[in-house]
N, C-alpha and C. Protein backbone atom coordinates (compact mmCIF):
# COMPACT_ATOMS: atom_id res chain seq x y z
N MET A 1 43.47 27.21 -25.14
CA MET A 1 42.11 27.14 -24.75
C MET A 1 41.76 25.66 -24.32
N ASN A 2 42.24 24.63 -25.13
CA ASN A 2 41.86 23.23 -24.84
C ASN A 2 42.50 22.93 -23.41
N ARG A 3 43.72 23.36 -23.12
CA ARG A 3 44.38 23.02 -21.88
C ARG A 3 43.54 23.65 -20.70
N VAL A 4 43.05 24.89 -20.90
CA VAL A 4 42.26 25.46 -19.84
C VAL A 4 41.04 24.64 -19.63
N LEU A 5 40.39 24.21 -20.61
CA LEU A 5 39.10 23.28 -20.51
C LEU A 5 39.55 22.02 -19.73
N LEU A 6 40.61 21.35 -20.16
CA LEU A 6 41.02 20.20 -19.60
C LEU A 6 41.38 20.41 -18.16
N LEU A 7 41.98 21.43 -17.65
CA LEU A 7 42.35 21.69 -16.35
C LEU A 7 40.89 21.99 -15.48
N LEU A 8 40.06 22.63 -16.11
CA LEU A 8 38.79 22.85 -15.44
C LEU A 8 38.07 21.49 -15.09
N LEU A 9 38.12 20.62 -16.14
CA LEU A 9 37.47 19.31 -16.03
C LEU A 9 38.16 18.50 -14.96
N VAL A 10 39.43 18.48 -14.97
CA VAL A 10 40.16 17.72 -13.91
C VAL A 10 39.91 18.36 -12.63
N PHE A 11 39.84 19.53 -12.38
CA PHE A 11 39.52 20.08 -11.11
C PHE A 11 38.08 19.78 -10.70
N ALA A 12 37.26 19.96 -11.61
CA ALA A 12 35.92 19.67 -11.24
C ALA A 12 35.60 18.22 -10.63
N PHE A 13 36.37 17.28 -11.39
CA PHE A 13 36.12 15.85 -11.03
C PHE A 13 36.86 15.56 -9.77
N SER A 14 37.90 16.22 -9.49
CA SER A 14 38.77 15.96 -8.39
C SER A 14 38.32 16.66 -7.03
N ALA A 15 37.33 17.56 -7.17
CA ALA A 15 36.81 18.36 -6.08
C ALA A 15 35.77 17.58 -5.28
N ARG A 16 35.23 16.53 -5.91
CA ARG A 16 34.22 15.84 -5.21
C ARG A 16 34.38 14.26 -5.73
N PRO A 17 33.93 13.31 -4.88
CA PRO A 17 33.93 12.12 -5.28
C PRO A 17 33.05 11.80 -6.57
N LEU A 18 33.38 10.81 -7.37
CA LEU A 18 32.69 10.42 -8.55
C LEU A 18 31.42 9.60 -7.95
N LEU A 19 30.19 9.96 -8.21
CA LEU A 19 29.03 9.21 -7.77
C LEU A 19 28.21 8.92 -9.02
N SER A 20 27.39 7.79 -8.94
CA SER A 20 26.50 7.48 -9.98
C SER A 20 25.47 8.61 -10.05
N ALA A 21 24.82 8.79 -11.07
CA ALA A 21 23.83 9.86 -11.51
C ALA A 21 22.76 9.92 -10.34
N ASP A 22 22.35 8.78 -9.76
CA ASP A 22 21.32 8.81 -8.95
C ASP A 22 21.67 8.83 -7.36
N GLU A 23 22.97 8.85 -7.17
CA GLU A 23 23.46 8.75 -5.81
C GLU A 23 23.83 10.00 -5.21
N LEU A 24 23.16 10.36 -4.06
CA LEU A 24 23.45 11.62 -3.31
C LEU A 24 24.31 11.18 -2.16
N LEU A 25 25.52 11.80 -1.83
CA LEU A 25 26.45 11.58 -0.83
C LEU A 25 26.19 12.69 0.33
N ILE A 26 25.94 12.29 1.42
CA ILE A 26 25.85 13.12 2.53
C ILE A 26 26.60 12.81 3.68
N VAL A 27 26.81 13.69 4.68
CA VAL A 27 27.32 13.38 5.92
C VAL A 27 26.40 13.05 6.95
N PRO A 28 26.77 12.37 8.06
CA PRO A 28 25.69 11.91 9.04
C PRO A 28 24.91 13.12 9.67
N GLY A 29 25.42 14.20 9.82
CA GLY A 29 24.74 15.30 10.38
C GLY A 29 23.62 15.91 9.53
N ASP A 30 23.67 15.47 8.26
CA ASP A 30 22.63 16.00 7.26
C ASP A 30 21.37 15.01 7.13
N GLY A 31 21.46 13.87 7.91
CA GLY A 31 20.47 12.90 7.67
C GLY A 31 18.99 13.37 7.83
N LEU A 32 18.79 14.27 8.82
CA LEU A 32 17.42 14.80 9.03
C LEU A 32 16.85 15.53 7.89
N SER A 33 17.63 16.01 7.03
CA SER A 33 17.24 16.71 5.84
C SER A 33 16.87 16.00 4.57
N HIS A 34 17.12 14.59 4.89
CA HIS A 34 16.88 13.65 3.62
C HIS A 34 16.03 12.45 4.07
N ILE A 35 15.04 12.61 4.92
CA ILE A 35 14.21 11.52 5.37
C ILE A 35 13.45 11.11 4.10
N GLY A 36 13.39 9.77 3.87
CA GLY A 36 12.58 9.22 2.80
C GLY A 36 13.35 9.17 1.58
N GLU A 37 14.57 9.64 1.57
CA GLU A 37 15.39 9.71 0.20
C GLU A 37 16.50 8.46 0.36
N ARG A 38 16.84 7.96 -0.82
CA ARG A 38 17.88 7.01 -1.05
C ARG A 38 19.12 7.92 -1.06
N VAL A 39 19.99 7.69 -0.13
CA VAL A 39 21.30 8.30 -0.11
C VAL A 39 22.54 7.44 0.20
N SER A 40 23.68 7.83 0.09
CA SER A 40 24.94 7.25 0.74
C SER A 40 25.28 8.23 1.76
N VAL A 41 25.57 7.74 2.99
CA VAL A 41 26.06 8.39 4.08
C VAL A 41 27.49 8.07 4.41
N SER A 42 28.32 9.02 4.50
CA SER A 42 29.81 8.76 4.69
C SER A 42 30.15 9.44 6.00
N GLY A 43 30.81 8.71 6.87
CA GLY A 43 31.32 9.27 8.05
C GLY A 43 32.07 8.23 8.96
N LEU A 44 32.58 8.70 10.10
CA LEU A 44 33.39 7.99 11.06
C LEU A 44 32.43 7.26 11.93
N VAL A 45 32.55 5.94 12.14
CA VAL A 45 31.74 5.18 13.05
C VAL A 45 32.28 5.25 14.29
N VAL A 46 31.61 5.60 15.29
CA VAL A 46 32.13 5.87 16.69
C VAL A 46 31.72 4.65 17.54
N ALA A 47 30.75 3.95 17.17
CA ALA A 47 30.39 2.84 18.07
C ALA A 47 29.52 1.66 17.14
N VAL A 48 29.85 0.49 17.51
CA VAL A 48 28.96 -0.59 16.90
C VAL A 48 28.47 -1.42 18.21
N PHE A 49 27.14 -1.52 18.17
CA PHE A 49 26.60 -2.21 19.45
C PHE A 49 25.68 -3.22 18.87
N VAL A 50 25.69 -4.39 19.54
CA VAL A 50 24.79 -5.57 19.21
C VAL A 50 23.74 -5.64 20.53
N SER A 51 22.48 -5.53 20.26
CA SER A 51 21.51 -5.67 21.25
C SER A 51 21.33 -7.12 21.72
N LYS A 52 20.66 -7.32 22.78
CA LYS A 52 20.33 -8.64 23.37
C LYS A 52 19.56 -9.45 22.35
N ARG A 53 18.77 -8.80 21.45
CA ARG A 53 17.95 -9.42 20.49
C ARG A 53 18.73 -9.68 19.21
N GLY A 54 19.91 -9.22 19.03
CA GLY A 54 20.80 -9.43 17.86
C GLY A 54 20.73 -8.42 16.86
N ASN A 55 20.02 -7.30 17.15
CA ASN A 55 20.15 -6.08 16.27
C ASN A 55 21.47 -5.49 16.34
N VAL A 56 22.03 -5.08 15.28
CA VAL A 56 23.35 -4.30 15.29
C VAL A 56 23.06 -2.82 14.90
N PHE A 57 23.63 -2.12 15.77
CA PHE A 57 23.58 -0.55 15.52
C PHE A 57 24.94 0.06 15.26
N ILE A 58 25.04 0.74 14.15
CA ILE A 58 26.38 1.35 13.68
C ILE A 58 26.13 2.78 13.97
N ASN A 59 26.73 3.42 14.95
CA ASN A 59 26.42 4.83 15.22
C ASN A 59 27.57 5.69 14.77
N PHE A 60 27.01 6.85 14.30
CA PHE A 60 27.95 7.93 13.79
C PHE A 60 27.73 9.09 14.70
N GLY A 61 28.78 9.95 14.81
CA GLY A 61 28.70 11.26 15.65
C GLY A 61 28.97 11.10 17.11
N ASP A 62 28.28 10.17 17.66
CA ASP A 62 28.45 9.83 19.04
C ASP A 62 27.88 8.47 19.51
N LYS A 63 28.01 8.02 20.64
CA LYS A 63 27.39 6.79 21.12
C LYS A 63 25.97 6.97 21.43
N TYR A 64 25.09 6.05 21.41
CA TYR A 64 23.67 5.99 21.68
C TYR A 64 23.55 6.63 23.13
N PRO A 65 22.73 7.47 23.36
CA PRO A 65 21.63 7.94 22.72
C PRO A 65 21.91 9.38 22.03
N ASN A 66 23.22 9.64 21.85
CA ASN A 66 23.58 11.03 21.31
C ASN A 66 24.14 10.92 19.95
N GLN A 67 23.89 9.75 19.28
CA GLN A 67 24.32 9.63 17.90
C GLN A 67 23.61 10.51 16.87
N THR A 68 24.32 10.93 15.85
CA THR A 68 23.74 11.79 14.93
C THR A 68 22.96 10.99 13.77
N PHE A 69 23.42 9.70 13.57
CA PHE A 69 22.94 8.99 12.52
C PHE A 69 23.27 7.45 12.88
N THR A 70 22.43 6.53 12.50
CA THR A 70 22.64 5.08 12.77
C THR A 70 22.36 4.13 11.53
N GLY A 71 23.21 3.26 11.36
CA GLY A 71 22.93 2.15 10.53
C GLY A 71 22.43 0.97 11.31
N TRP A 72 21.17 0.57 11.10
CA TRP A 72 20.50 -0.47 11.81
C TRP A 72 20.47 -1.72 11.01
N VAL A 73 21.11 -2.80 11.63
CA VAL A 73 21.15 -4.05 10.97
C VAL A 73 20.18 -5.06 11.72
N PRO A 74 19.03 -5.35 11.16
CA PRO A 74 17.95 -6.13 11.90
C PRO A 74 18.49 -7.57 12.27
N ALA A 75 18.25 -8.09 13.36
CA ALA A 75 18.54 -9.39 13.70
C ALA A 75 17.88 -10.36 12.64
N GLY A 76 18.61 -11.45 12.41
CA GLY A 76 18.11 -12.40 11.46
C GLY A 76 18.43 -12.07 9.98
N THR A 77 18.98 -10.97 9.63
CA THR A 77 19.42 -10.69 8.40
C THR A 77 20.85 -11.00 8.20
N PRO A 78 21.33 -11.52 7.06
CA PRO A 78 22.63 -12.02 6.88
C PRO A 78 23.72 -11.04 7.43
N PRO A 79 23.70 -9.78 7.23
CA PRO A 79 24.77 -8.97 7.87
C PRO A 79 24.84 -8.93 9.36
N ALA A 80 23.69 -9.24 9.96
CA ALA A 80 23.67 -9.12 11.35
C ALA A 80 24.58 -10.20 12.11
N SER A 81 24.77 -11.32 11.41
CA SER A 81 25.60 -12.37 11.93
C SER A 81 27.14 -12.26 11.51
N ASP A 82 27.38 -11.24 10.84
CA ASP A 82 28.81 -11.00 10.36
C ASP A 82 29.74 -10.31 11.43
N PRO A 83 30.61 -11.11 12.00
CA PRO A 83 31.40 -10.54 13.09
C PRO A 83 32.22 -9.31 12.47
N SER A 84 32.46 -9.19 11.25
CA SER A 84 33.29 -8.02 10.75
C SER A 84 32.67 -6.80 10.87
N LEU A 85 31.32 -6.67 11.30
CA LEU A 85 30.72 -5.37 11.55
C LEU A 85 31.41 -4.71 12.72
N GLN A 86 31.82 -5.38 13.72
CA GLN A 86 32.55 -4.76 14.84
C GLN A 86 33.79 -4.10 14.45
N LEU A 87 34.48 -4.55 13.45
CA LEU A 87 35.62 -3.98 12.89
C LEU A 87 35.42 -2.46 12.35
N LEU A 88 34.27 -2.21 12.12
CA LEU A 88 33.90 -0.82 11.47
C LEU A 88 34.12 0.31 12.43
N GLN A 89 34.09 0.04 13.87
CA GLN A 89 34.25 1.10 14.71
C GLN A 89 35.69 1.72 14.49
N GLY A 90 35.63 3.01 14.47
CA GLY A 90 36.80 3.81 14.23
C GLY A 90 37.25 4.09 12.88
N LYS A 91 36.44 3.57 11.88
CA LYS A 91 36.67 3.64 10.35
C LYS A 91 35.74 4.45 9.76
N THR A 92 36.18 5.09 8.69
CA THR A 92 35.24 5.81 7.81
C THR A 92 34.52 4.92 6.91
N VAL A 93 33.09 4.94 6.99
CA VAL A 93 32.29 3.99 6.28
C VAL A 93 31.26 4.64 5.45
N LYS A 94 30.85 4.11 4.32
CA LYS A 94 29.81 4.68 3.71
C LYS A 94 28.73 3.68 3.48
N MET A 95 27.50 4.06 3.94
CA MET A 95 26.29 3.17 3.80
C MET A 95 25.24 3.67 2.95
N THR A 96 24.60 2.92 2.24
CA THR A 96 23.60 3.32 1.30
C THR A 96 22.26 2.82 1.43
N GLY A 97 21.18 3.54 1.50
CA GLY A 97 19.87 3.12 1.67
C GLY A 97 18.87 4.26 1.83
N VAL A 98 17.61 3.92 2.18
CA VAL A 98 16.57 4.96 2.34
C VAL A 98 16.69 5.48 3.79
N ILE A 99 16.65 6.72 4.07
CA ILE A 99 16.86 7.29 5.39
C ILE A 99 15.36 7.24 6.07
N GLU A 100 15.23 6.55 7.21
CA GLU A 100 13.96 6.57 7.93
C GLU A 100 14.31 7.29 9.30
N LEU A 101 13.26 7.70 10.01
CA LEU A 101 13.20 8.37 11.27
C LEU A 101 12.81 7.42 12.32
N TYR A 102 13.70 7.16 13.30
CA TYR A 102 13.32 6.40 14.39
C TYR A 102 13.62 7.16 15.68
N ARG A 103 12.52 7.44 16.55
CA ARG A 103 12.67 8.13 17.71
C ARG A 103 13.46 9.51 17.59
N GLY A 104 13.16 10.17 16.42
CA GLY A 104 13.79 11.45 16.07
C GLY A 104 15.17 11.41 15.65
N LYS A 105 15.61 10.29 15.36
CA LYS A 105 17.01 10.17 14.77
C LYS A 105 17.01 9.51 13.44
N PRO A 106 17.80 9.99 12.52
CA PRO A 106 17.86 9.32 11.14
C PRO A 106 18.62 8.01 11.21
N GLU A 107 18.15 7.10 10.39
CA GLU A 107 18.79 5.82 10.28
C GLU A 107 18.57 5.10 8.91
N ILE A 108 19.49 4.20 8.54
CA ILE A 108 19.26 3.42 7.38
C ILE A 108 19.26 2.10 7.80
N ARG A 109 18.25 1.30 7.27
CA ARG A 109 18.05 -0.18 7.49
C ARG A 109 19.13 -0.90 6.63
N ILE A 110 19.86 -1.69 7.22
CA ILE A 110 21.00 -2.42 6.43
C ILE A 110 20.52 -3.92 6.33
N THR A 111 20.17 -4.38 5.21
CA THR A 111 19.81 -5.76 5.07
C THR A 111 20.80 -6.63 4.20
N SER A 112 21.85 -5.91 3.52
CA SER A 112 22.67 -6.48 2.57
C SER A 112 24.07 -6.04 2.96
N LYS A 113 25.12 -6.83 2.86
CA LYS A 113 26.48 -6.38 3.08
C LYS A 113 26.84 -5.36 1.93
N ASP A 114 26.16 -5.36 0.81
CA ASP A 114 26.52 -4.56 -0.26
C ASP A 114 26.09 -3.03 0.10
N GLN A 115 25.32 -2.78 1.18
CA GLN A 115 24.90 -1.40 1.56
C GLN A 115 26.06 -0.80 2.34
N ILE A 116 26.98 -1.50 2.78
CA ILE A 116 28.16 -0.88 3.71
C ILE A 116 29.44 -1.15 3.03
N VAL A 117 30.28 0.10 2.83
CA VAL A 117 31.64 0.09 2.24
C VAL A 117 32.52 0.71 3.31
N SER A 118 33.62 0.03 3.62
CA SER A 118 34.60 0.65 4.52
C SER A 118 35.50 1.51 3.57
N GLU A 119 35.72 2.79 3.78
CA GLU A 119 36.44 3.77 2.94
C GLU A 119 37.85 3.71 3.36
């Protein structure tokens, strides 16, 4: 009986990533369902773009304007000047923050390097 219980526990924890009790992990395509919520979004970065004003946009799903989700790094914040953000393109990334809606697309404002983890 104890072995069965142990196997069930091992299976339960291996079936999904371990998250903190207050962290919800979603995929970029589910962002619209979580507006206003603090979540972690994990997915493949398809494009990283720096605007003329110095804003950095980390796009999931497709390039702008067809992206499904965006990580927005405002110009003037410490992460915006980090050249390693360009290296995120083509990698699976997890970003954490509150999802906001901008022009009908979900996004997370990134103001700290701690919000982005390359997986």
